[in-house]
PDB file of N, CA and C in Angstrom:
ATOM      1  N   MET A   1     -37.605  18.306 -46.047  1.00  0.00           N
ATOM      2  CA  MET A   1     -36.446  18.114 -46.889  1.00  0.00           C
ATOM      3  C   MET A   1     -35.468  19.259 -46.655  1.00  0.00           C
ATOM      4  N   ALA A   2     -34.216  18.928 -46.546  1.00  0.00           N
ATOM      5  CA  ALA A   2     -33.198  19.925 -46.227  1.00  0.00           C
ATOM      6  C   ALA A   2     -32.876  20.776 -47.454  1.00  0.00           C
ATOM      7  N   GLU A   3     -32.529  22.018 -47.185  1.00  0.00           N
ATOM      8  CA  GLU A   3     -32.125  22.926 -48.261  1.00  0.00           C
ATOM      9  C   GLU A   3     -30.733  22.558 -48.759  1.00  0.00           C
ATOM     10  N   ARG A   4     -30.469  22.888 -49.989  1.00  0.00           N
ATOM     11  CA  ARG A   4     -29.150  22.630 -50.571  1.00  0.00           C
ATOM     12  C   ARG A   4     -28.140  23.630 -50.004  1.00  0.00           C
ATOM     13  N   ASP A   5     -26.957  23.147 -49.761  1.00  0.00           N
ATOM     14  CA  ASP A   5     -25.881  23.974 -49.238  1.00  0.00           C
ATOM     15  C   ASP A   5     -25.537  25.061 -50.260  1.00  0.00           C
ATOM     16  N   PRO A   6     -25.438  26.343 -49.847  1.00  0.00           N
ATOM     17  CA  PRO A   6     -25.112  27.407 -50.797  1.00  0.00           C
ATOM     18  C   PRO A   6     -23.754  27.207 -51.479  1.00  0.00           C
ATOM     19  N   ALA A   7     -22.796  26.630 -50.780  1.00  0.00           N
ATOM     20  CA  ALA A   7     -21.492  26.384 -51.398  1.00  0.00           C
ATOM     21  C   ALA A   7     -21.609  25.346 -52.509  1.00  0.00           C
ATOM     22  N   GLU A   8     -22.457  24.357 -52.319  1.00  0.00           N
ATOM     23  CA  GLU A   8     -22.659  23.350 -53.360  1.00  0.00           C
ATOM     24  C   GLU A   8     -23.337  23.969 -54.581  1.00  0.00           C
ATOM     25  N   ALA A   9     -24.297  24.836 -54.338  1.00  0.00           N
ATOM     26  CA  ALA A   9     -24.972  25.511 -55.449  1.00  0.00           C
ATOM     27  C   ALA A   9     -23.990  26.370 -56.237  1.00  0.00           C
ATOM     28  N   ARG A  10     -23.119  27.087 -55.528  1.00  0.00           N
ATOM     29  CA  ARG A  10     -22.103  27.901 -56.220  1.00  0.00           C
ATOM     30  C   ARG A  10     -21.160  27.025 -57.031  1.00  0.00           C
ATOM     31  N   LEU A  11     -20.794  25.874 -56.473  1.00  0.00           N
ATOM     32  CA  LEU A  11     -19.921  24.953 -57.188  1.00  0.00           C
ATOM     33  C   LEU A  11     -20.562  24.498 -58.493  1.00  0.00           C
ATOM     34  N   TRP A  12     -21.858  24.186 -58.473  1.00  0.00           N
ATOM     35  CA  TRP A  12     -22.533  23.763 -59.687  1.00  0.00           C
ATOM     36  C   TRP A  12     -22.613  24.896 -60.701  1.00  0.00           C
ATOM     37  N   TRP A  13     -22.848  26.133 -60.250  1.00  0.00           N
ATOM     38  CA  TRP A  13     -22.887  27.265 -61.183  1.00  0.00           C
ATOM     39  C   TRP A  13     -21.520  27.497 -61.810  1.00  0.00           C
ATOM     40  N   LEU A  14     -20.455  27.360 -61.020  1.00  0.00           N
ATOM     41  CA  LEU A  14     -19.108  27.529 -61.576  1.00  0.00           C
ATOM     42  C   LEU A  14     -18.791  26.423 -62.575  1.00  0.00           C
ATOM     43  N   THR A  15     -19.214  25.204 -62.259  1.00  0.00           N
ATOM     44  CA  THR A  15     -19.014  24.085 -63.179  1.00  0.00           C
ATOM     45  C   THR A  15     -19.764  24.330 -64.482  1.00  0.00           C
ATOM     46  N   LEU A  16     -20.989  24.799 -64.396  1.00  0.00           N
ATOM     47  CA  LEU A  16     -21.778  25.095 -65.581  1.00  0.00           C
ATOM     48  C   LEU A  16     -21.141  26.209 -66.409  1.00  0.00           C
ATOM     49  N   ALA A  17     -20.615  27.231 -65.738  1.00  0.00           N
ATOM     50  CA  ALA A  17     -19.970  28.329 -66.454  1.00  0.00           C
ATOM     51  C   ALA A  17     -18.721  27.838 -67.190  1.00  0.00           C
ATOM     52  N   ARG A  18     -17.909  27.034 -66.543  1.00  0.00           N
ATOM     53  CA  ARG A  18     -16.710  26.496 -67.205  1.00  0.00           C
ATOM     54  C   ARG A  18     -17.089  25.570 -68.353  1.00  0.00           C
ATOM     55  N   LEU A  19     -18.105  24.745 -68.146  1.00  0.00           N
ATOM     56  CA  LEU A  19     -18.533  23.831 -69.189  1.00  0.00           C
ATOM     57  C   LEU A  19     -19.047  24.591 -70.414  1.00  0.00           C
ATOM     58  N   ALA A  20     -19.735  25.696 -70.205  1.00  0.00           N
ATOM     59  CA  ALA A  20     -20.204  26.508 -71.325  1.00  0.00           C
ATOM     60  C   ALA A  20     -19.020  27.038 -72.136  1.00  0.00           C
ATOM     61  N   GLY A  21     -17.944  27.435 -71.467  1.00  0.00           N
ATOM     62  CA  GLY A  21     -16.754  27.890 -72.177  1.00  0.00           C
ATOM     63  C   GLY A  21     -16.116  26.783 -72.990  1.00  0.00           C
ATOM     64  N   VAL A  22     -16.052  25.584 -72.432  1.00  0.00           N
ATOM     65  CA  VAL A  22     -15.469  24.447 -73.152  1.00  0.00           C
ATOM     66  C   VAL A  22     -16.315  24.106 -74.373  1.00  0.00           C
ATOM     67  N   VAL A  23     -17.632  24.132 -74.224  1.00  0.00           N
ATOM     68  CA  VAL A  23     -18.525  23.842 -75.346  1.00  0.00           C
ATOM     69  C   VAL A  23     -18.342  24.879 -76.450  1.00  0.00           C
ATOM     70  N   LEU A  24     -18.184  26.135 -76.086  1.00  0.00           N
ATOM     71  CA  LEU A  24     -17.967  27.182 -77.085  1.00  0.00           C
ATOM     72  C   LEU A  24     -16.642  26.982 -77.814  1.00  0.00           C
ATOM     73  N   VAL A  25     -15.605  26.591 -77.102  1.00  0.00           N
ATOM     74  CA  VAL A  25     -14.321  26.302 -77.742  1.00  0.00           C
ATOM     75  C   VAL A  25     -14.462  25.138 -78.723  1.00  0.00           C
ATOM     76  N   LEU A  26     -15.121  24.064 -78.309  1.00  0.00           N
ATOM     77  CA  LEU A  26     -15.289  22.913 -79.187  1.00  0.00           C
ATOM     78  C   LEU A  26     -16.149  23.245 -80.411  1.00  0.00           C
ATOM     79  N   ALA A  27     -17.174  24.054 -80.220  1.00  0.00           N
ATOM     80  CA  ALA A  27     -17.988  24.485 -81.360  1.00  0.00           C
ATOM     81  C   ALA A  27     -17.154  25.327 -82.323  1.00  0.00           C
ATOM     82  N   GLY A  28     -16.301  26.173 -81.788  1.00  0.00           N
ATOM     83  CA  GLY A  28     -15.420  26.965 -82.636  1.00  0.00           C
ATOM     84  C   GLY A  28     -14.450  26.098 -83.426  1.00  0.00           C
ATOM     85  N   MET A  29     -13.970  25.033 -82.783  1.00  0.00           N
ATOM     86  CA  MET A  29     -13.080  24.104 -83.496  1.00  0.00           C
ATOM     87  C   MET A  29     -13.808  23.440 -84.662  1.00  0.00           C
ATOM     88  N   GLY A  30     -15.024  23.023 -84.419  1.00  0.00           N
ATOM     89  CA  GLY A  30     -15.806  22.406 -85.494  1.00  0.00           C
ATOM     90  C   GLY A  30     -16.101  23.379 -86.614  1.00  0.00           C
ATOM     91  N   PHE A  31     -16.452  24.595 -86.247  1.00  0.00           N
ATOM     92  CA  PHE A  31     -16.752  25.626 -87.238  1.00  0.00           C
ATOM     93  C   PHE A  31     -15.505  25.961 -88.054  1.00  0.00           C
ATOM     94  N   ALA A  32     -14.361  26.096 -87.388  1.00  0.00           N
ATOM     95  CA  ALA A  32     -13.115  26.392 -88.093  1.00  0.00           C
ATOM     96  C   ALA A  32     -12.727  25.233 -89.008  1.00  0.00           C
ATOM     97  N   GLY A  33     -12.922  24.009 -88.548  1.00  0.00           N
ATOM     98  CA  GLY A  33     -12.605  22.852 -89.377  1.00  0.00           C
ATOM     99  C   GLY A  33     -13.461  22.772 -90.624  1.00  0.00           C
ATOM    100  N   ARG A  34     -14.741  23.096 -90.487  1.00  0.00           N
ATOM    101  CA  ARG A  34     -15.617  23.093 -91.668  1.00  0.00           C
ATOM    102  C   ARG A  34     -15.216  24.179 -92.653  1.00  0.00           C
ATOM    103  N   GLU A  35     -14.816  25.344 -92.139  1.00  0.00           N
ATOM    104  CA  GLU A  35     -14.421  26.427 -93.036  1.00  0.00           C
ATOM    105  C   GLU A  35     -13.155  26.071 -93.800  1.00  0.00           C
ATOM    106  N   VAL A  36     -12.194  25.447 -93.127  1.00  0.00           N
ATOM    107  CA  VAL A  36     -10.950  25.063 -93.785  1.00  0.00           C
ATOM    108  C   VAL A  36     -11.238  23.991 -94.845  1.00  0.00           C
ATOM    109  N   ALA A  37     -12.110  23.033 -94.505  1.00  0.00           N
ATOM    110  CA  ALA A  37     -12.451  21.975 -95.458  1.00  0.00           C
ATOM    111  C   ALA A  37     -13.156  22.540 -96.690  1.00  0.00           C
ATOM    112  N   ALA A  38     -13.893  23.629 -96.507  1.00  0.00           N
ATOM    113  CA  ALA A  38     -14.609  24.250 -97.625  1.00  0.00           C
ATOM    114  C   ALA A  38     -13.718  25.204 -98.406  1.00  0.00           C
ATOM    115  N   GLY A  39     -12.500  25.409 -97.960  1.00  0.00           N
ATOM    116  CA  GLY A  39     -11.586  26.293 -98.673  1.00  0.00           C
ATOM    117  C   GLY A  39     -11.658  27.744 -98.233  1.00  0.00           C
ATOM    118  N   ALA A  40     -12.383  28.039 -97.172  1.00  0.00           N
ATOM    119  CA  ALA A  40     -12.506  29.417 -96.680  1.00  0.00           C
ATOM    120  C   ALA A  40     -11.511  29.635 -95.531  1.00  0.00           C
ATOM    121  N   ARG A  41     -11.420  30.855 -95.088  1.00  0.00           N
ATOM    122  CA  ARG A  41     -10.541  31.154 -93.966  1.00  0.00           C
ATOM    123  C   ARG A  41     -11.271  30.899 -92.646  1.00  0.00           C
ATOM    124  N   PRO A  42     -10.567  30.380 -91.644  1.00  0.00           N
ATOM    125  CA  PRO A  42     -11.231  29.944 -90.400  1.00  0.00           C
ATOM    126  C   PRO A  42     -11.381  31.031 -89.346  1.00  0.00           C
ATOM    127  N   TRP A  43     -11.491  32.295 -89.699  1.00  0.00           N
ATOM    128  CA  TRP A  43     -11.494  33.358 -88.694  1.00  0.00           C
ATOM    129  C   TRP A  43     -12.700  33.317 -87.779  1.00  0.00           C
ATOM    130  N   GLY A  44     -13.855  32.941 -88.288  1.00  0.00           N
ATOM    131  CA  GLY A  44     -15.041  32.864 -87.433  1.00  0.00           C
ATOM    132  C   GLY A  44     -14.898  31.806 -86.350  1.00  0.00           C
ATOM    133  N   GLY A  45     -14.389  30.652 -86.743  1.00  0.00           N
ATOM    134  CA  GLY A  45     -14.176  29.584 -85.774  1.00  0.00           C
ATOM    135  C   GLY A  45     -13.111  29.935 -84.759  1.00  0.00           C
ATOM    136  N   LEU A  46     -12.061  30.587 -85.229  1.00  0.00           N
ATOM    137  CA  LEU A  46     -11.005  30.994 -84.299  1.00  0.00           C
ATOM    138  C   LEU A  46     -11.512  32.044 -83.313  1.00  0.00           C
ATOM    139  N   ALA A  47     -12.369  32.932 -83.782  1.00  0.00           N
ATOM    140  CA  ALA A  47     -12.952  33.939 -82.890  1.00  0.00           C
ATOM    141  C   ALA A  47     -13.853  33.274 -81.844  1.00  0.00           C
ATOM    142  N   ALA A  48     -14.611  32.256 -82.261  1.00  0.00           N
ATOM    143  CA  ALA A  48     -15.457  31.529 -81.314  1.00  0.00           C
ATOM    144  C   ALA A  48     -14.603  30.790 -80.284  1.00  0.00           C
ATOM    145  N   MET A  49     -13.494  30.227 -80.729  1.00  0.00           N
ATOM    146  CA  MET A  49     -12.599  29.541 -79.792  1.00  0.00           C
ATOM    147  C   MET A  49     -12.019  30.526 -78.779  1.00  0.00           C
ATOM    148  N   LEU A  50     -11.624  31.698 -79.244  1.00  0.00           N
ATOM    149  CA  LEU A  50     -11.084  32.719 -78.337  1.00  0.00           C
ATOM    150  C   LEU A  50     -12.155  33.187 -77.353  1.00  0.00           C
ATOM    151  N   ALA A  51     -13.371  33.368 -77.846  1.00  0.00           N
ATOM    152  CA  ALA A  51     -14.463  33.780 -76.955  1.00  0.00           C
ATOM    153  C   ALA A  51     -14.718  32.712 -75.891  1.00  0.00           C
ATOM    154  N   GLY A  52     -14.681  31.445 -76.283  1.00  0.00           N
ATOM    155  CA  GLY A  52     -14.863  30.358 -75.317  1.00  0.00           C
ATOM    156  C   GLY A  52     -13.758  30.320 -74.285  1.00  0.00           C
ATOM    157  N   LEU A  53     -12.527  30.554 -74.724  1.00  0.00           N
ATOM    158  CA  LEU A  53     -11.402  30.586 -73.782  1.00  0.00           C
ATOM    159  C   LEU A  53     -11.556  31.723 -72.784  1.00  0.00           C
ATOM    160  N   LEU A  54     -11.907  32.899 -73.281  1.00  0.00           N
ATOM    161  CA  LEU A  54     -12.085  34.043 -72.381  1.00  0.00           C
ATOM    162  C   LEU A  54     -13.244  33.801 -71.420  1.00  0.00           C
ATOM    163  N   TRP A  55     -14.330  33.201 -71.915  1.00  0.00           N
ATOM    164  CA  TRP A  55     -15.458  32.851 -71.052  1.00  0.00           C
ATOM    165  C   TRP A  55     -15.002  31.890 -69.961  1.00  0.00           C
ATOM    166  N   PHE A  56     -14.252  30.841 -70.356  1.00  0.00           N
ATOM    167  CA  PHE A  56     -13.772  29.820 -69.429  1.00  0.00           C
ATOM    168  C   PHE A  56     -12.904  30.431 -68.334  1.00  0.00           C
ATOM    169  N   LEU A  57     -12.099  31.426 -68.700  1.00  0.00           N
ATOM    170  CA  LEU A  57     -11.179  32.016 -67.733  1.00  0.00           C
ATOM    171  C   LEU A  57     -11.825  33.073 -66.848  1.00  0.00           C
ATOM    172  N   PHE A  58     -12.663  33.933 -67.410  1.00  0.00           N
ATOM    173  CA  PHE A  58     -13.072  35.126 -66.678  1.00  0.00           C
ATOM    174  C   PHE A  58     -14.476  35.092 -66.082  1.00  0.00           C
ATOM    175  N   VAL A  59     -15.395  34.370 -66.655  1.00  0.00           N
ATOM    176  CA  VAL A  59     -16.760  34.359 -66.108  1.00  0.00           C
ATOM    177  C   VAL A  59     -16.807  33.720 -64.724  1.00  0.00           C
ATOM    178  N   PRO A  60     -16.184  32.549 -64.500  1.00  0.00           N
ATOM    179  CA  PRO A  60     -16.221  32.002 -63.135  1.00  0.00           C
ATOM    180  C   PRO A  60     -15.546  32.912 -62.109  1.00  0.00           C
ATOM    181  N   ARG A  61     -14.485  33.583 -62.508  1.00  0.00           N
ATOM    182  CA  ARG A  61     -13.836  34.528 -61.579  1.00  0.00           C
ATOM    183  C   ARG A  61     -14.762  35.677 -61.237  1.00  0.00           C
ATOM    184  N   ALA A  62     -15.483  36.181 -62.239  1.00  0.00           N
ATOM    185  CA  ALA A  62     -16.424  37.273 -61.987  1.00  0.00           C
ATOM    186  C   ALA A  62     -17.561  36.809 -61.081  1.00  0.00           C
ATOM    187  N   LEU A  63     -18.028  35.572 -61.277  1.00  0.00           N
ATOM    188  CA  LEU A  63     -19.077  35.047 -60.401  1.00  0.00           C
ATOM    189  C   LEU A  63     -18.587  34.927 -58.966  1.00  0.00           C
ATOM    190  N   LEU A  64     -17.386  34.407 -58.796  1.00  0.00           N
ATOM    191  CA  LEU A  64     -16.840  34.295 -57.439  1.00  0.00           C
ATOM    192  C   LEU A  64     -16.681  35.656 -56.786  1.00  0.00           C
ATOM    193  N   LYS A  65     -16.190  36.623 -57.551  1.00  0.00           N
ATOM    194  CA  LYS A  65     -16.024  37.968 -57.011  1.00  0.00           C
ATOM    195  C   LYS A  65     -17.362  38.563 -56.595  1.00  0.00           C
ATOM    196  N   ARG A  66     -18.394  38.313 -57.413  1.00  0.00           N
ATOM    197  CA  ARG A  66     -19.716  38.844 -57.091  1.00  0.00           C
ATOM    198  C   ARG A  66     -20.276  38.174 -55.831  1.00  0.00           C
ATOM    199  N   TRP A  67     -20.100  36.847 -55.715  1.00  0.00           N
ATOM    200  CA  TRP A  67     -20.613  36.135 -54.546  1.00  0.00           C
ATOM    201  C   TRP A  67     -19.883  36.502 -53.275  1.00  0.00           C
ATOM    202  N   ARG A  68     -18.628  36.861 -53.394  1.00  0.00           N
ATOM    203  CA  ARG A  68     -17.866  37.242 -52.204  1.00  0.00           C
ATOM    204  C   ARG A  68     -18.082  38.692 -51.818  1.00  0.00           C
ATOM    205  N   GLY A  69     -18.864  39.423 -52.597  1.00  0.00           N
ATOM    206  CA  GLY A  69     -19.172  40.798 -52.263  1.00  0.00           C
ATOM    207  C   GLY A  69     -18.176  41.798 -52.808  1.00  0.00           C
ATOM    208  N   GLY A  70     -17.420  41.398 -53.814  1.00  0.00           N
ATOM    209  CA  GLY A  70     -16.458  42.322 -54.418  1.00  0.00           C
ATOM    210  C   GLY A  70     -17.143  43.322 -55.315  1.00  0.00           C
ATOM    211  N   ALA A  71     -16.370  44.284 -55.768  1.00  0.00           N
ATOM    212  CA  ALA A  71     -16.932  45.355 -56.605  1.00  0.00           C
ATOM    213  C   ALA A  71     -17.168  44.904 -58.014  1.00  0.00           C
TER     214      ALA A  71
END
């Protein structure tokens, strides 16, 4: 059986990293919505959404930099 292409494996890891960021953003939206419905302030949910956005933007870039041999 042939080995998997390293570029394909990297593509799947990048896809997984981006998907994790999207899931964190959506979880933050749900958390913020529940807090607003309960009459509380939505800061926890907004913080989770921001963390998901930063994850979505910067983790795949860091992975690519690491795979390319960057510092």
